[in-house]
C-alpha atoms as a PDB file:
ATOM      1  CA  MET A   1      56.799 -58.209 118.313  1.00  0.00           C
ATOM      2  CA  SER A   2      53.718 -60.310 117.532  1.00  0.00           C
ATOM      3  CA  THR A   3      52.450 -62.452 120.229  1.00  0.00           C
ATOM      4  CA  ASP A   4      53.068 -65.411 118.136  1.00  0.00           C
ATOM      5  CA  GLU A   5      56.870 -64.434 118.079  1.00  0.00           C
ATOM      6  CA  LEU A   6      57.053 -63.949 121.597  1.00  0.00           C
ATOM      7  CA  TYR A   7      55.224 -67.378 122.356  1.00  0.00           C
ATOM      8  CA  THR A   8      58.182 -68.936 120.201  1.00  0.00           C
ATOM      9  CA  LEU A   9      60.754 -67.252 122.816  1.00  0.00           C
ATOM     10  CA  LEU A  10      58.858 -68.805 125.453  1.00  0.00           C
ATOM     11  CA  ASP A  11      57.857 -72.095 124.087  1.00  0.00           C
ATOM     12  CA  PRO A  12      61.729 -73.766 124.423  1.00  0.00           C
ATOM     13  CA  LYS A  13      62.173 -72.981 127.960  1.00  0.00           C
ATOM     14  CA  PHE A  14      58.416 -74.229 129.124  1.00  0.00           C
ATOM     15  CA  SER A  15      57.706 -77.029 126.585  1.00  0.00           C
ATOM     16  CA  GLY A  16      54.683 -78.838 127.201  1.00  0.00           C
ATOM     17  CA  SER A  17      53.326 -75.825 129.363  1.00  0.00           C
ATOM     18  CA  TYR A  18      50.166 -73.525 129.124  1.00  0.00           C
ATOM     19  CA  ILE A  19      51.463 -70.243 127.586  1.00  0.00           C
ATOM     20  CA  ASP A  20      49.114 -67.296 126.926  1.00  0.00           C
ATOM     21  CA  VAL A  21      50.491 -64.134 125.426  1.00  0.00           C
ATOM     22  CA  LYS A  22      48.263 -60.998 125.083  1.00  0.00           C
ATOM     23  CA  ARG A  23      49.343 -57.952 123.789  1.00  0.00           C
ATOM     24  CA  SER A  24      47.892 -54.514 124.419  1.00  0.00           C
ATOM     25  CA  GLY A  25      50.180 -51.490 122.538  1.00  0.00           C
ATOM     26  CA  ASN A  26      53.486 -52.019 124.012  1.00  0.00           C
ATOM     27  CA  GLN A  27      52.398 -54.118 126.598  1.00  0.00           C
ATOM     28  CA  TYR A  28      52.418 -57.725 126.891  1.00  0.00           C
ATOM     29  CA  LEU A  29      50.920 -59.864 129.381  1.00  0.00           C
ATOM     30  CA  ILE A  30      52.125 -63.441 129.802  1.00  0.00           C
ATOM     31  CA  THR A  31      50.622 -66.473 131.607  1.00  0.00           C
ATOM     32  CA  ILE A  32      52.410 -69.609 131.917  1.00  0.00           C
ATOM     33  CA  VAL A  33      51.600 -72.708 133.957  1.00  0.00           C
ATOM     34  CA  ASP A  34      54.242 -75.139 134.684  1.00  0.00           C
ATOM     35  CA  ASP A  35      55.114 -77.177 137.659  1.00  0.00           C
ATOM     36  CA  VAL A  36      58.803 -75.632 137.229  1.00  0.00           C
ATOM     37  CA  PHE A  37      57.255 -72.980 139.413  1.00  0.00           C
ATOM     38  CA  VAL A  38      56.607 -75.329 142.561  1.00  0.00           C
ATOM     39  CA  GLY A  39      58.446 -74.024 145.824  1.00  0.00           C
ATOM     40  CA  LYS A  40      59.719 -71.039 143.878  1.00  0.00           C
ATOM     41  CA  LYS A  41      59.354 -67.509 145.335  1.00  0.00           C
ATOM     42  CA  PRO A  42      57.602 -64.751 142.970  1.00  0.00           C
ATOM     43  CA  VAL A  43      60.804 -62.976 142.037  1.00  0.00           C
ATOM     44  CA  GLN A  44      62.306 -66.339 141.095  1.00  0.00           C
ATOM     45  CA  ARG A  45      59.406 -67.241 138.644  1.00  0.00           C
ATOM     46  CA  GLN A  46      59.742 -63.977 136.731  1.00  0.00           C
ATOM     47  CA  GLN A  47      63.600 -64.491 136.555  1.00  0.00           C
ATOM     48  CA  LEU A  48      62.916 -67.877 134.800  1.00  0.00           C
ATOM     49  CA  VAL A  49      60.477 -66.199 132.036  1.00  0.00           C
ATOM     50  CA  TYR A  50      62.544 -63.231 131.973  1.00  0.00           C
ATOM     51  CA  SER A  51      65.555 -65.486 131.188  1.00  0.00           C
ATOM     52  CA  ALA A  52      63.717 -66.732 128.035  1.00  0.00           C
ATOM     53  CA  LEU A  53      63.092 -62.996 126.852  1.00  0.00           C
ATOM     54  CA  GLN A  54      66.337 -61.641 127.760  1.00  0.00           C
ATOM     55  CA  THR A  55      66.982 -60.669 124.214  1.00  0.00           C
ATOM     56  CA  ALA A  56      64.132 -59.278 123.251  1.00  0.00           C
ATOM     57  CA  ILE A  57      64.115 -56.991 126.562  1.00  0.00           C
ATOM     58  CA  THR A  58      67.864 -56.075 125.810  1.00  0.00           C
ATOM     59  CA  SER A  59      67.203 -55.255 122.590  1.00  0.00           C
ATOM     60  CA  GLY A  60      64.073 -52.887 123.320  1.00  0.00           C
ATOM     61  CA  ILE A  61      61.729 -55.002 121.184  1.00  0.00           C
ATOM     62  CA  ILE A  62      59.980 -55.681 124.829  1.00  0.00           C
ATOM     63  CA  HIS A  63      59.288 -52.661 126.899  1.00  0.00           C
ATOM     64  CA  ALA A  64      56.688 -53.740 129.261  1.00  0.00           C
ATOM     65  CA  VAL A  65      55.937 -57.244 130.495  1.00  0.00           C
ATOM     66  CA  GLN A  66      53.169 -58.375 132.970  1.00  0.00           C
ATOM     67  CA  ILE A  67      54.009 -61.898 134.157  1.00  0.00           C
ATOM     68  CA  LYS A  68      51.588 -64.020 135.784  1.00  0.00           C
ATOM     69  CA  THR A  69      52.854 -67.735 136.763  1.00  0.00           C
ATOM     70  CA  TYR A  70      51.595 -70.625 138.281  1.00  0.00           C
ATOM     71  CA  SER A  71      51.818 -74.248 138.790  1.00  0.00           C
ATOM     72  CA  LYS A  72      49.488 -76.669 137.643  1.00  0.00           C
ATOM     73  CA  GLN A  73      47.745 -77.145 141.420  1.00  0.00           C
ATOM     74  CA  GLU A  74      47.835 -73.419 141.574  1.00  0.00           C
ATOM     75  CA  TRP A  75      46.135 -73.018 138.378  1.00  0.00           C
ATOM     76  CA  GLN A  76      43.206 -75.909 138.772  1.00  0.00           C
ATOM     77  CA  GLN A  77      42.618 -73.664 142.191  1.00  0.00           C
ATOM     78  CA  ILE A  78      41.940 -70.466 140.081  1.00  0.00           C
ATOM     79  CA  ILE A  79      39.712 -72.237 137.669  1.00  0.00           C
ATOM     80  CA  SER A  80      37.889 -74.371 140.217  1.00  0.00           C
ATOM     81  CA  ASN A  81      37.044 -71.010 141.985  1.00  0.00           C
ATOM     82  CA  MET A  82      36.107 -69.340 138.784  1.00  0.00           C
ATOM     83  CA  GLY A  83      33.451 -72.075 138.337  1.00  0.00           C
END
């Protein structure tokens, strides 16, 4: 599965969000910035992302996924600390 195809699976659930998908072999690194994550525990955040990828995971198309999720405020803090 290409990164564009994976993005297409995520976009309907996180429309208007910052979504970044990178691939290294069979492993994908997904970063999503969306205020839907505000007040959610890390496992709840991952469950939201996994729900968008359910078909690709159960079919075996996706084998390994690393997920990073942030609210817009958390993302701004990360960017501010980088500069």
